[in-house]
Amino acid sequence: MPPSKTIVMGDCNAPPESYSVKKISGVLWDADEKNSLTRSVYPEGCSICLVQRIQYKLDYILVSKDIKICSFEVGGSTGSDHLLISAIIEI
């Protein structure tokens, strides 16, 4: 893993305490300092639904220490069981 000029983001399907996330977090910073929950659960069989509950942090934006994180946000989603995540960074 390069220690500089690196951005890794996506659905890792792994919680923060997992081996893989701990390993990558040893090199990169998580843009989400609050460990926000990002996986949502919808009622089964519902095509247009409101989220029943939000559980687990499985999605990440990780950056090398030379990249400044200005903000991080979790947004809603009706097209996925994962909520949208975004960050404003300064390179």
N, C-alpha and C. Protein backbone atom coordinates (compact mmCIF):
# COMPACT_ATOMS: atom_id res chain seq x y z
N MET A 1 0.84 -1.18 0.00
CA MET A 1 0.00 0.00 0.00
C MET A 1 0.88 1.24 0.00
N PRO A 2 0.76 2.09 -0.99
CA PRO A 2 1.57 3.32 -1.01
C PRO A 2 1.21 4.23 0.17
N PRO A 3 2.21 4.78 0.86
CA PRO A 3 1.94 5.62 2.02
C PRO A 3 1.62 7.07 1.66
N SER A 4 1.63 7.43 0.36
CA SER A 4 1.32 8.81 -0.02
C SER A 4 0.53 8.84 -1.33
N LYS A 5 -0.21 9.95 -1.53
CA LYS A 5 -1.01 10.17 -2.73
C LYS A 5 -1.92 8.99 -3.04
N THR A 6 -2.63 8.52 -2.01
CA THR A 6 -3.46 7.33 -2.17
C THR A 6 -4.86 7.58 -1.62
N ILE A 7 -5.87 7.19 -2.40
CA ILE A 7 -7.26 7.22 -1.97
C ILE A 7 -7.85 5.85 -2.30
N VAL A 8 -8.44 5.22 -1.29
CA VAL A 8 -9.12 3.94 -1.47
C VAL A 8 -10.53 4.13 -0.94
N MET A 9 -11.53 3.77 -1.75
CA MET A 9 -12.89 3.92 -1.28
C MET A 9 -13.77 2.84 -1.85
N GLY A 10 -14.83 2.54 -1.08
CA GLY A 10 -15.78 1.57 -1.57
C GLY A 10 -16.42 0.75 -0.48
N ASP A 11 -17.18 -0.22 -0.93
CA ASP A 11 -17.88 -1.17 -0.07
C ASP A 11 -16.92 -2.30 0.25
N CYS A 12 -16.40 -2.30 1.45
CA CYS A 12 -15.43 -3.33 1.84
C CYS A 12 -16.09 -4.56 2.44
N ASN A 13 -17.40 -4.47 2.74
CA ASN A 13 -18.12 -5.56 3.39
C ASN A 13 -17.36 -6.09 4.61
N ALA A 14 -16.75 -5.17 5.34
CA ALA A 14 -15.98 -5.54 6.53
C ALA A 14 -16.14 -4.43 7.58
N PRO A 15 -16.41 -4.81 8.82
CA PRO A 15 -16.54 -3.80 9.87
C PRO A 15 -15.17 -3.26 10.29
N PRO A 16 -15.14 -2.13 11.00
CA PRO A 16 -13.87 -1.52 11.40
C PRO A 16 -12.94 -2.45 12.20
N GLU A 17 -13.51 -3.38 12.95
CA GLU A 17 -12.68 -4.26 13.78
C GLU A 17 -12.15 -5.48 13.01
N SER A 18 -12.49 -5.61 11.72
CA SER A 18 -12.01 -6.74 10.94
C SER A 18 -10.51 -6.61 10.67
N TYR A 19 -9.88 -7.74 10.41
CA TYR A 19 -8.44 -7.78 10.15
C TYR A 19 -8.09 -6.88 8.96
N SER A 20 -8.84 -7.00 7.86
CA SER A 20 -8.49 -6.26 6.64
C SER A 20 -8.60 -4.75 6.84
N VAL A 21 -9.64 -4.29 7.51
CA VAL A 21 -9.79 -2.84 7.73
C VAL A 21 -8.74 -2.34 8.71
N LYS A 22 -8.45 -3.11 9.75
CA LYS A 22 -7.40 -2.71 10.69
C LYS A 22 -6.04 -2.61 9.98
N LYS A 23 -5.78 -3.55 9.10
CA LYS A 23 -4.51 -3.57 8.37
C LYS A 23 -4.36 -2.34 7.47
N ILE A 24 -5.38 -2.03 6.69
CA ILE A 24 -5.30 -0.88 5.79
C ILE A 24 -5.32 0.43 6.58
N SER A 25 -6.02 0.45 7.73
CA SER A 25 -6.06 1.64 8.57
C SER A 25 -4.72 1.92 9.25
N GLY A 26 -3.83 0.96 9.22
CA GLY A 26 -2.49 1.18 9.73
C GLY A 26 -1.66 2.07 8.81
N VAL A 27 -2.09 2.18 7.55
CA VAL A 27 -1.38 2.98 6.56
C VAL A 27 -2.20 4.21 6.14
N LEU A 28 -3.50 4.05 6.02
CA LEU A 28 -4.38 5.11 5.54
C LEU A 28 -5.31 5.61 6.64
N TRP A 29 -5.76 6.87 6.53
CA TRP A 29 -6.72 7.47 7.46
C TRP A 29 -8.13 7.23 6.95
N ASP A 30 -9.05 6.93 7.86
CA ASP A 30 -10.46 6.82 7.52
C ASP A 30 -11.04 8.24 7.51
N ALA A 31 -11.66 8.65 6.42
CA ALA A 31 -12.24 9.99 6.32
C ALA A 31 -13.38 10.19 7.30
N ASP A 32 -13.97 9.09 7.76
CA ASP A 32 -15.10 9.15 8.69
C ASP A 32 -14.61 8.97 10.12
N GLU A 33 -14.40 10.07 10.82
CA GLU A 33 -13.91 10.01 12.20
C GLU A 33 -14.95 9.49 13.17
N LYS A 34 -16.23 9.53 12.79
CA LYS A 34 -17.32 9.12 13.69
C LYS A 34 -17.69 7.65 13.57
N ASN A 35 -17.09 6.92 12.64
CA ASN A 35 -17.46 5.53 12.38
C ASN A 35 -18.96 5.38 12.13
N SER A 36 -19.47 6.18 11.20
CA SER A 36 -20.89 6.19 10.87
C SER A 36 -21.33 4.84 10.32
N LEU A 37 -22.56 4.47 10.63
CA LEU A 37 -23.13 3.24 10.10
C LEU A 37 -23.56 3.49 8.67
N THR A 38 -23.31 2.53 7.77
CA THR A 38 -23.55 2.77 6.35
C THR A 38 -24.39 1.70 5.66
N ARG A 39 -24.75 0.63 6.36
CA ARG A 39 -25.57 -0.39 5.71
C ARG A 39 -26.98 -0.27 6.25
N SER A 40 -27.94 -0.18 5.34
CA SER A 40 -29.33 -0.02 5.74
C SER A 40 -30.13 -1.28 5.44
N VAL A 41 -31.26 -1.39 6.10
CA VAL A 41 -32.14 -2.55 5.91
C VAL A 41 -33.52 -2.04 5.53
N TYR A 42 -34.07 -2.58 4.45
CA TYR A 42 -35.39 -2.20 3.97
C TYR A 42 -36.36 -3.37 4.19
N PRO A 43 -37.65 -3.08 4.27
CA PRO A 43 -38.62 -4.18 4.39
C PRO A 43 -38.52 -5.11 3.18
N GLU A 44 -38.56 -6.38 3.43
CA GLU A 44 -38.44 -7.36 2.34
C GLU A 44 -39.62 -7.24 1.38
N GLY A 45 -39.33 -7.28 0.08
CA GLY A 45 -40.36 -7.24 -0.94
C GLY A 45 -40.88 -5.86 -1.26
N CYS A 46 -40.28 -4.84 -0.71
CA CYS A 46 -40.74 -3.47 -0.92
C CYS A 46 -39.90 -2.82 -2.01
N SER A 47 -40.56 -2.31 -3.07
CA SER A 47 -39.79 -1.71 -4.17
C SER A 47 -39.46 -0.23 -3.92
N ILE A 48 -40.28 0.48 -3.18
CA ILE A 48 -39.99 1.87 -2.81
C ILE A 48 -40.25 1.99 -1.31
N CYS A 49 -39.18 2.01 -0.53
CA CYS A 49 -39.32 1.90 0.92
C CYS A 49 -38.48 2.91 1.67
N LEU A 50 -38.87 3.14 2.89
CA LEU A 50 -38.04 3.90 3.82
C LEU A 50 -37.17 2.90 4.58
N VAL A 51 -36.02 3.34 4.97
CA VAL A 51 -35.10 2.48 5.72
C VAL A 51 -35.72 2.07 7.05
N GLN A 52 -35.68 0.77 7.36
CA GLN A 52 -36.16 0.29 8.65
C GLN A 52 -35.15 0.57 9.75
N ARG A 53 -33.89 0.30 9.45
CA ARG A 53 -32.83 0.55 10.41
C ARG A 53 -31.50 0.63 9.67
N ILE A 54 -30.53 1.24 10.31
CA ILE A 54 -29.19 1.34 9.74
C ILE A 54 -28.25 0.63 10.69
N GLN A 55 -27.44 -0.25 10.15
CA GLN A 55 -26.52 -1.02 10.97
C GLN A 55 -25.23 -1.26 10.23
N TYR A 56 -24.19 -1.46 10.94
CA TYR A 56 -22.86 -1.80 10.43
C TYR A 56 -22.20 -0.67 9.64
N LYS A 57 -20.95 -0.52 9.83
CA LYS A 57 -20.11 0.33 8.97
C LYS A 57 -19.36 -0.63 8.05
N LEU A 58 -19.65 -0.54 6.76
CA LEU A 58 -19.02 -1.43 5.78
C LEU A 58 -18.38 -0.66 4.63
N ASP A 59 -18.62 0.64 4.56
CA ASP A 59 -18.18 1.45 3.44
C ASP A 59 -17.17 2.49 3.92
N TYR A 60 -16.16 2.73 3.11
CA TYR A 60 -15.03 3.54 3.56
C TYR A 60 -14.51 4.47 2.49
N ILE A 61 -13.97 5.58 2.93
CA ILE A 61 -13.10 6.43 2.13
C ILE A 61 -11.83 6.56 2.96
N LEU A 62 -10.75 6.01 2.47
CA LEU A 62 -9.47 6.00 3.19
C LEU A 62 -8.44 6.76 2.37
N VAL A 63 -7.68 7.60 3.03
CA VAL A 63 -6.70 8.43 2.33
C VAL A 63 -5.34 8.35 3.03
N SER A 64 -4.30 8.60 2.26
CA SER A 64 -2.96 8.65 2.86
C SER A 64 -2.84 9.91 3.70
N LYS A 65 -1.86 9.91 4.58
CA LYS A 65 -1.71 10.97 5.57
C LYS A 65 -1.35 12.33 4.95
N ASP A 66 -0.94 12.36 3.69
CA ASP A 66 -0.62 13.62 3.02
C ASP A 66 -1.85 14.28 2.39
N ILE A 67 -3.02 13.67 2.53
CA ILE A 67 -4.27 14.21 1.98
C ILE A 67 -5.13 14.71 3.15
N LYS A 68 -5.58 15.95 3.06
CA LYS A 68 -6.38 16.54 4.12
C LYS A 68 -7.86 16.24 3.90
N ILE A 69 -8.53 15.75 4.94
CA ILE A 69 -9.96 15.49 4.89
C ILE A 69 -10.67 16.74 5.40
N CYS A 70 -11.44 17.40 4.53
CA CYS A 70 -12.15 18.62 4.92
C CYS A 70 -13.52 18.31 5.50
N SER A 71 -14.21 17.32 4.95
CA SER A 71 -15.51 16.93 5.48
C SER A 71 -15.86 15.52 5.01
N PHE A 72 -16.78 14.90 5.74
CA PHE A 72 -17.27 13.57 5.41
C PHE A 72 -18.77 13.57 5.66
N GLU A 73 -19.52 12.89 4.79
CA GLU A 73 -20.97 12.88 4.93
C GLU A 73 -21.54 11.53 4.53
N VAL A 74 -22.58 11.11 5.25
CA VAL A 74 -23.35 9.92 4.88
C VAL A 74 -24.71 10.40 4.42
N GLY A 75 -25.12 9.97 3.23
CA GLY A 75 -26.41 10.37 2.67
C GLY A 75 -27.33 9.18 2.53
N GLY A 76 -28.55 9.44 2.16
CA GLY A 76 -29.54 8.38 1.99
C GLY A 76 -29.38 7.65 0.67
N SER A 77 -30.08 6.55 0.54
CA SER A 77 -30.07 5.79 -0.70
C SER A 77 -31.36 4.99 -0.82
N THR A 78 -31.98 5.04 -1.98
CA THR A 78 -33.14 4.18 -2.23
C THR A 78 -32.81 3.10 -3.25
N GLY A 79 -31.56 3.11 -3.75
CA GLY A 79 -31.17 2.16 -4.77
C GLY A 79 -30.23 1.08 -4.30
N SER A 80 -29.85 1.12 -3.03
CA SER A 80 -28.89 0.16 -2.51
C SER A 80 -29.12 -0.05 -1.02
N ASP A 81 -28.63 -1.16 -0.51
CA ASP A 81 -28.69 -1.37 0.94
C ASP A 81 -27.51 -0.68 1.64
N HIS A 82 -26.67 -0.02 0.86
CA HIS A 82 -25.57 0.77 1.43
C HIS A 82 -25.89 2.24 1.22
N LEU A 83 -25.66 3.03 2.26
CA LEU A 83 -25.90 4.46 2.15
C LEU A 83 -24.75 5.12 1.39
N LEU A 84 -25.03 6.27 0.80
CA LEU A 84 -24.00 7.01 0.06
C LEU A 84 -23.01 7.63 1.03
N ILE A 85 -21.75 7.60 0.70
CA ILE A 85 -20.75 8.31 1.49
C ILE A 85 -19.98 9.23 0.56
N SER A 86 -19.61 10.38 1.09
CA SER A 86 -18.82 11.32 0.30
C SER A 86 -17.87 12.08 1.22
N ALA A 87 -16.82 12.58 0.63
CA ALA A 87 -15.85 13.37 1.39
C ALA A 87 -15.31 14.48 0.50
N ILE A 88 -15.02 15.58 1.13
CA ILE A 88 -14.28 16.65 0.45
C ILE A 88 -12.88 16.57 0.99
N ILE A 89 -11.93 16.47 0.08
CA ILE A 89 -10.52 16.33 0.48
C ILE A 89 -9.69 17.42 -0.19
N GLU A 90 -8.54 17.67 0.38
CA GLU A 90 -7.61 18.64 -0.19
C GLU A 90 -6.30 17.91 -0.48
N ILE A 91 -5.89 17.99 -1.74
CA ILE A 91 -4.66 17.30 -2.15
C ILE A 91 -3.54 18.31 -2.25
